[in-house]
N, C-alpha and C. Protein backbone atom coordinates (compact mmCIF):
# COMPACT_ATOMS: atom_id res chain seq x y z
N MET A 1 0.85 -1.18 0.00
CA MET A 1 0.00 0.00 0.00
C MET A 1 0.89 1.24 0.00
N ALA A 2 0.55 2.20 -0.80
CA ALA A 2 1.35 3.42 -0.93
C ALA A 2 1.14 4.35 0.25
N ILE A 3 2.14 5.14 0.53
CA ILE A 3 2.06 6.14 1.59
C ILE A 3 1.38 7.39 1.00
N PRO A 4 0.33 7.89 1.64
CA PRO A 4 -0.35 9.06 1.08
C PRO A 4 0.50 10.33 1.23
N ASN A 5 0.28 11.28 0.36
CA ASN A 5 0.93 12.60 0.39
C ASN A 5 2.43 12.57 0.13
N VAL A 6 2.93 11.54 -0.50
CA VAL A 6 4.36 11.48 -0.80
C VAL A 6 4.61 12.25 -2.09
N LYS A 7 5.57 13.14 -2.03
CA LYS A 7 5.98 13.90 -3.21
C LYS A 7 7.37 13.43 -3.60
N ARG A 8 7.61 13.35 -4.90
CA ARG A 8 8.93 12.96 -5.41
C ARG A 8 9.62 14.19 -5.98
N PHE A 9 10.88 14.34 -5.61
CA PHE A 9 11.68 15.47 -6.07
C PHE A 9 12.95 14.94 -6.71
N ARG A 10 13.37 15.55 -7.80
CA ARG A 10 14.63 15.18 -8.47
C ARG A 10 15.68 16.19 -8.05
N ILE A 11 16.81 15.66 -7.54
CA ILE A 11 17.91 16.53 -7.11
C ILE A 11 19.12 16.26 -7.98
N ASN A 12 19.98 17.26 -8.11
CA ASN A 12 21.20 17.16 -8.91
C ASN A 12 22.42 17.22 -8.00
N SER A 13 23.48 16.52 -8.40
CA SER A 13 24.72 16.57 -7.64
C SER A 13 25.33 17.96 -7.78
N PRO A 14 26.23 18.33 -6.87
CA PRO A 14 26.85 19.66 -6.93
C PRO A 14 27.58 19.92 -8.24
N ASP A 15 28.18 18.89 -8.83
CA ASP A 15 28.88 19.09 -10.10
C ASP A 15 27.95 18.93 -11.30
N GLY A 16 26.71 18.53 -11.07
CA GLY A 16 25.73 18.42 -12.14
C GLY A 16 25.84 17.16 -12.97
N ALA A 17 26.68 16.22 -12.56
CA ALA A 17 26.90 15.01 -13.36
C ALA A 17 25.83 13.95 -13.11
N MET A 18 25.23 13.92 -11.92
CA MET A 18 24.28 12.86 -11.58
C MET A 18 23.00 13.46 -11.05
N THR A 19 21.92 12.67 -11.13
CA THR A 19 20.65 13.06 -10.54
C THR A 19 20.15 11.91 -9.68
N ALA A 20 19.27 12.25 -8.74
CA ALA A 20 18.66 11.25 -7.88
C ALA A 20 17.23 11.70 -7.58
N THR A 21 16.39 10.75 -7.23
CA THR A 21 15.01 11.05 -6.87
C THR A 21 14.83 10.82 -5.38
N VAL A 22 14.23 11.80 -4.72
CA VAL A 22 13.99 11.74 -3.28
C VAL A 22 12.49 11.78 -3.07
N ALA A 23 11.97 10.87 -2.27
CA ALA A 23 10.55 10.86 -1.91
C ALA A 23 10.42 11.35 -0.48
N ALA A 24 9.51 12.30 -0.25
CA ALA A 24 9.37 12.89 1.08
C ALA A 24 7.93 13.32 1.31
N VAL A 25 7.55 13.33 2.58
CA VAL A 25 6.27 13.88 3.01
C VAL A 25 6.60 15.15 3.77
N LEU A 26 6.24 16.29 3.21
CA LEU A 26 6.55 17.58 3.81
C LEU A 26 5.30 18.15 4.48
N PRO A 27 5.48 18.80 5.63
CA PRO A 27 4.32 19.43 6.29
C PRO A 27 3.84 20.65 5.51
N LYS A 28 2.60 21.06 5.79
CA LYS A 28 2.05 22.23 5.11
C LYS A 28 2.88 23.45 5.46
N GLY A 29 3.09 24.28 4.48
CA GLY A 29 3.82 25.52 4.71
C GLY A 29 5.33 25.37 4.75
N ALA A 30 5.82 24.18 4.46
CA ALA A 30 7.27 23.96 4.49
C ALA A 30 7.91 24.63 3.28
N ASP A 31 9.12 25.12 3.46
CA ASP A 31 9.86 25.75 2.37
C ASP A 31 10.54 24.64 1.55
N VAL A 32 9.96 24.32 0.41
CA VAL A 32 10.43 23.22 -0.42
C VAL A 32 11.83 23.49 -0.96
N ALA A 33 12.09 24.71 -1.37
CA ALA A 33 13.40 25.06 -1.94
C ALA A 33 14.51 24.88 -0.91
N ALA A 34 14.26 25.30 0.33
CA ALA A 34 15.26 25.15 1.39
C ALA A 34 15.47 23.68 1.72
N TYR A 35 14.38 22.91 1.72
CA TYR A 35 14.48 21.47 2.00
C TYR A 35 15.32 20.78 0.93
N LEU A 36 15.05 21.07 -0.35
CA LEU A 36 15.80 20.43 -1.42
C LEU A 36 17.27 20.84 -1.42
N LYS A 37 17.56 22.07 -1.06
CA LYS A 37 18.95 22.52 -0.97
C LYS A 37 19.68 21.74 0.13
N ASP A 38 19.02 21.52 1.25
CA ASP A 38 19.61 20.75 2.36
C ASP A 38 19.80 19.29 1.96
N VAL A 39 18.83 18.71 1.26
CA VAL A 39 18.93 17.31 0.83
C VAL A 39 20.09 17.14 -0.15
N GLU A 40 20.24 18.06 -1.10
CA GLU A 40 21.34 17.98 -2.06
C GLU A 40 22.69 18.02 -1.36
N ALA A 41 22.80 18.83 -0.31
CA ALA A 41 24.07 18.94 0.42
C ALA A 41 24.37 17.69 1.24
N ARG A 42 23.33 17.04 1.76
CA ARG A 42 23.53 15.90 2.66
C ARG A 42 23.51 14.55 1.95
N TYR A 43 23.11 14.51 0.69
CA TYR A 43 22.98 13.25 -0.04
C TYR A 43 24.36 12.62 -0.25
N ASP A 44 24.41 11.29 -0.19
CA ASP A 44 25.68 10.56 -0.33
C ASP A 44 25.95 10.30 -1.81
N TRP A 45 26.51 11.29 -2.49
CA TRP A 45 26.77 11.19 -3.92
C TRP A 45 27.87 10.18 -4.21
N LYS A 46 28.88 10.09 -3.33
CA LYS A 46 29.98 9.14 -3.53
C LYS A 46 29.45 7.71 -3.44
N GLY A 47 28.60 7.44 -2.48
CA GLY A 47 28.00 6.12 -2.33
C GLY A 47 27.13 5.76 -3.51
N ARG A 48 26.40 6.72 -4.04
CA ARG A 48 25.56 6.48 -5.22
C ARG A 48 26.42 6.14 -6.43
N GLN A 49 27.53 6.85 -6.60
CA GLN A 49 28.43 6.58 -7.72
C GLN A 49 29.01 5.18 -7.60
N GLU A 50 29.40 4.77 -6.39
CA GLU A 50 29.95 3.43 -6.18
C GLU A 50 28.89 2.36 -6.46
N GLU A 51 27.66 2.61 -6.04
CA GLU A 51 26.57 1.66 -6.27
C GLU A 51 26.31 1.48 -7.76
N LEU A 52 26.29 2.57 -8.50
CA LEU A 52 26.04 2.49 -9.94
C LEU A 52 27.18 1.78 -10.66
N SER A 53 28.41 2.04 -10.26
CA SER A 53 29.53 1.40 -10.95
C SER A 53 29.62 -0.08 -10.62
N ALA A 54 29.18 -0.47 -9.42
CA ALA A 54 29.22 -1.89 -9.04
C ALA A 54 28.12 -2.69 -9.73
N SER A 55 27.02 -2.05 -10.07
CA SER A 55 25.90 -2.78 -10.63
C SER A 55 25.96 -2.91 -12.15
N THR A 56 26.92 -2.29 -12.80
CA THR A 56 26.98 -2.34 -14.26
C THR A 56 28.17 -3.18 -14.71
N LYS A 57 28.33 -4.33 -14.12
CA LYS A 57 29.41 -5.23 -14.52
C LYS A 57 29.01 -5.96 -15.79
N VAL A 58 29.96 -6.18 -16.66
CA VAL A 58 29.70 -6.85 -17.94
C VAL A 58 30.13 -8.31 -17.81
N ARG A 59 29.22 -9.21 -18.14
CA ARG A 59 29.55 -10.64 -18.13
C ARG A 59 30.20 -11.01 -19.44
N VAL A 60 31.26 -11.80 -19.34
CA VAL A 60 31.94 -12.28 -20.54
C VAL A 60 31.74 -13.77 -20.60
N GLY A 61 30.83 -14.23 -21.46
CA GLY A 61 30.56 -15.66 -21.58
C GLY A 61 29.65 -16.15 -20.47
N GLN A 62 29.27 -17.39 -20.57
CA GLN A 62 28.38 -17.98 -19.57
C GLN A 62 29.21 -18.67 -18.49
N GLN A 63 28.65 -18.70 -17.31
CA GLN A 63 29.31 -19.36 -16.20
C GLN A 63 28.58 -20.66 -15.91
N LYS A 64 29.34 -21.67 -15.58
CA LYS A 64 28.76 -22.95 -15.27
C LYS A 64 28.19 -22.93 -13.85
N GLN A 65 26.96 -23.40 -13.71
CA GLN A 65 26.34 -23.42 -12.38
C GLN A 65 26.64 -24.72 -11.68
N LYS A 66 26.89 -24.60 -10.37
CA LYS A 66 27.17 -25.80 -9.57
C LYS A 66 25.85 -26.39 -9.09
N LYS A 67 25.77 -27.72 -9.09
CA LYS A 67 24.57 -28.38 -8.60
C LYS A 67 24.60 -28.40 -7.09
N ALA A 68 23.49 -28.04 -6.48
CA ALA A 68 23.37 -28.09 -5.04
C ALA A 68 23.06 -29.52 -4.61
N LYS A 69 23.81 -30.03 -3.67
CA LYS A 69 23.58 -31.42 -3.23
C LYS A 69 22.75 -31.46 -1.97
């Protein structure tokens, strides 16, 4: 079941090379621009870059699967 009132925001890294999507529930009257500026500063851009580079490994050929005994 989805969480009601969730807004999605796209943030950019300080160097502008990467983007990320942040989902948040903000109270009424909250300053969205200030919130997004704080999120951009606190986001773990280095960890995101490592995650993306680790997940794009290229397989060369097929690997033989071991039978479970």
